[in-house]
């Protein structure tokens, strides 16, 4: 399973199509390809809270309204699990 962040720059459906094409005609043909979407979350250093990021590039603290550029989640492309049988 791959974990794909909302702001990672990865298009999940394009990645799925590339995987299906790459495994076609190989022993991996028919393999399950699971994706987990990871939402973007920002952090406000003033309020010390994490919050959901509503837009792609402007992270505004819902408590104090300050703009924060600190992204704590949402850029990942991570291999979370692989199963081979």
C-alpha atoms as a PDB file:
ATOM      1  CA  UNK A   1       0.000   0.000   0.000  1.00  0.00           C
ATOM      2  CA  UNK A   2       1.221   3.462  -0.885  1.00  0.00           C
ATOM      3  CA  UNK A   3       0.350   6.515   1.196  1.00  0.00           C
ATOM      4  CA  UNK A   4       0.047   9.581  -1.052  1.00  0.00           C
ATOM      5  CA  UNK A   5      -0.105  13.082   0.436  1.00  0.00           C
ATOM      6  CA  UNK A   6      -2.587  15.608  -0.911  1.00  0.00           C
ATOM      7  CA  UNK A   7       0.263  18.053  -1.681  1.00  0.00           C
ATOM      8  CA  UNK A   8       2.826  15.468  -2.841  1.00  0.00           C
ATOM      9  CA  UNK A   9       2.441  16.338  -6.508  1.00  0.00           C
ATOM     10  CA  UNK A  10       1.538  12.732  -7.284  1.00  0.00           C
ATOM     11  CA  UNK A  11      -1.610  12.082  -9.317  1.00  0.00           C
ATOM     12  CA  UNK A  12      -2.999   8.846  -7.814  1.00  0.00           C
ATOM     13  CA  UNK A  13      -4.893   7.716 -10.918  1.00  0.00           C
ATOM     14  CA  UNK A  14      -1.868   8.276 -13.166  1.00  0.00           C
ATOM     15  CA  UNK A  15       0.248   6.254 -10.736  1.00  0.00           C
ATOM     16  CA  UNK A  16      -2.339   3.456 -10.754  1.00  0.00           C
ATOM     17  CA  UNK A  17      -2.360   3.409 -14.568  1.00  0.00           C
ATOM     18  CA  UNK A  18       1.456   3.321 -14.657  1.00  0.00           C
ATOM     19  CA  UNK A  19       1.494   0.405 -12.199  1.00  0.00           C
ATOM     20  CA  UNK A  20      -1.085  -1.559 -14.203  1.00  0.00           C
ATOM     21  CA  UNK A  21       0.909  -0.979 -17.383  1.00  0.00           C
ATOM     22  CA  UNK A  22       4.240  -1.911 -15.772  1.00  0.00           C
ATOM     23  CA  UNK A  23       3.037  -5.245 -14.375  1.00  0.00           C
ATOM     24  CA  UNK A  24       1.134  -6.335 -17.483  1.00  0.00           C
ATOM     25  CA  UNK A  25       2.580  -9.604 -18.798  1.00  0.00           C
ATOM     26  CA  UNK A  26       4.774 -10.128 -15.728  1.00  0.00           C
ATOM     27  CA  UNK A  27       4.401 -12.466 -12.748  1.00  0.00           C
ATOM     28  CA  UNK A  28       3.009  -9.422 -10.883  1.00  0.00           C
ATOM     29  CA  UNK A  29       0.081  -9.083 -13.295  1.00  0.00           C
ATOM     30  CA  UNK A  30      -3.142  -8.926 -11.342  1.00  0.00           C
ATOM     31  CA  UNK A  31      -1.396  -7.671  -8.208  1.00  0.00           C
ATOM     32  CA  UNK A  32      -3.460  -5.461  -5.943  1.00  0.00           C
ATOM     33  CA  UNK A  33      -2.362  -1.841  -5.842  1.00  0.00           C
ATOM     34  CA  UNK A  34      -3.726   0.008  -2.835  1.00  0.00           C
ATOM     35  CA  UNK A  35      -3.474   3.745  -2.296  1.00  0.00           C
ATOM     36  CA  UNK A  36      -4.248   5.670   0.865  1.00  0.00           C
ATOM     37  CA  UNK A  37      -4.893   9.414   0.534  1.00  0.00           C
ATOM     38  CA  UNK A  38      -3.194  11.463   3.257  1.00  0.00           C
ATOM     39  CA  UNK A  39      -4.768  14.878   3.917  1.00  0.00           C
ATOM     40  CA  UNK A  40      -2.597  17.957   4.323  1.00  0.00           C
ATOM     41  CA  UNK A  41      -2.134  19.327   7.861  1.00  0.00           C
ATOM     42  CA  UNK A  42      -0.396  22.501   8.927  1.00  0.00           C
ATOM     43  CA  UNK A  43       1.031  23.667  12.243  1.00  0.00           C
ATOM     44  CA  UNK A  44       0.789  27.108  13.853  1.00  0.00           C
ATOM     45  CA  UNK A  45       3.889  27.792  15.968  1.00  0.00           C
ATOM     46  CA  UNK A  46       2.117  30.644  17.791  1.00  0.00           C
ATOM     47  CA  UNK A  47      -0.927  28.625  18.933  1.00  0.00           C
ATOM     48  CA  UNK A  48       0.928  25.288  18.862  1.00  0.00           C
ATOM     49  CA  UNK A  49      -1.953  23.528  17.119  1.00  0.00           C
ATOM     50  CA  UNK A  50      -2.271  21.361  14.026  1.00  0.00           C
ATOM     51  CA  UNK A  51      -5.025  22.106  11.539  1.00  0.00           C
ATOM     52  CA  UNK A  52      -6.427  20.879   8.227  1.00  0.00           C
ATOM     53  CA  UNK A  53      -5.016  22.732   5.222  1.00  0.00           C
ATOM     54  CA  UNK A  54      -7.897  23.984   3.095  1.00  0.00           C
ATOM     55  CA  UNK A  55      -5.927  25.341   0.120  1.00  0.00           C
ATOM     56  CA  UNK A  56      -2.857  24.084  -1.695  1.00  0.00           C
ATOM     57  CA  UNK A  57      -0.311  26.723  -0.675  1.00  0.00           C
ATOM     58  CA  UNK A  58      -1.745  29.059   1.986  1.00  0.00           C
ATOM     59  CA  UNK A  59      -1.970  27.560   5.457  1.00  0.00           C
ATOM     60  CA  UNK A  60      -4.010  29.792   7.777  1.00  0.00           C
ATOM     61  CA  UNK A  61      -4.370  28.983  11.464  1.00  0.00           C
ATOM     62  CA  UNK A  62      -8.064  28.646  12.309  1.00  0.00           C
ATOM     63  CA  UNK A  63      -7.449  29.968  15.840  1.00  0.00           C
ATOM     64  CA  UNK A  64      -5.362  33.128  15.341  1.00  0.00           C
ATOM     65  CA  UNK A  65      -5.640  33.640  11.559  1.00  0.00           C
ATOM     66  CA  UNK A  66      -1.892  33.838  11.015  1.00  0.00           C
ATOM     67  CA  UNK A  67      -0.440  32.369   7.853  1.00  0.00           C
ATOM     68  CA  UNK A  68       1.895  29.452   8.543  1.00  0.00           C
ATOM     69  CA  UNK A  69       4.166  27.741   6.055  1.00  0.00           C
ATOM     70  CA  UNK A  70       4.754  24.741   8.273  1.00  0.00           C
ATOM     71  CA  UNK A  71       3.298  21.611   6.714  1.00  0.00           C
ATOM     72  CA  UNK A  72       3.416  18.583   9.018  1.00  0.00           C
ATOM     73  CA  UNK A  73       1.580  16.121   6.781  1.00  0.00           C
ATOM     74  CA  UNK A  74       0.573  15.922   3.145  1.00  0.00           C
ATOM     75  CA  UNK A  75       3.765  15.747   1.082  1.00  0.00           C
ATOM     76  CA  UNK A  76       4.484  12.070   1.580  1.00  0.00           C
ATOM     77  CA  UNK A  77       4.726   9.290  -0.943  1.00  0.00           C
ATOM     78  CA  UNK A  78       5.399   6.342   1.293  1.00  0.00           C
ATOM     79  CA  UNK A  79       5.429   2.593   0.823  1.00  0.00           C
ATOM     80  CA  UNK A  80       3.435   1.644   3.902  1.00  0.00           C
ATOM     81  CA  UNK A  81       2.972  -2.073   3.319  1.00  0.00           C
ATOM     82  CA  UNK A  82       3.885  -4.805   0.854  1.00  0.00           C
ATOM     83  CA  UNK A  83       2.582  -8.348   0.931  1.00  0.00           C
ATOM     84  CA  UNK A  84       4.075 -11.184  -1.108  1.00  0.00           C
ATOM     85  CA  UNK A  85       2.594 -14.633  -1.256  1.00  0.00           C
END
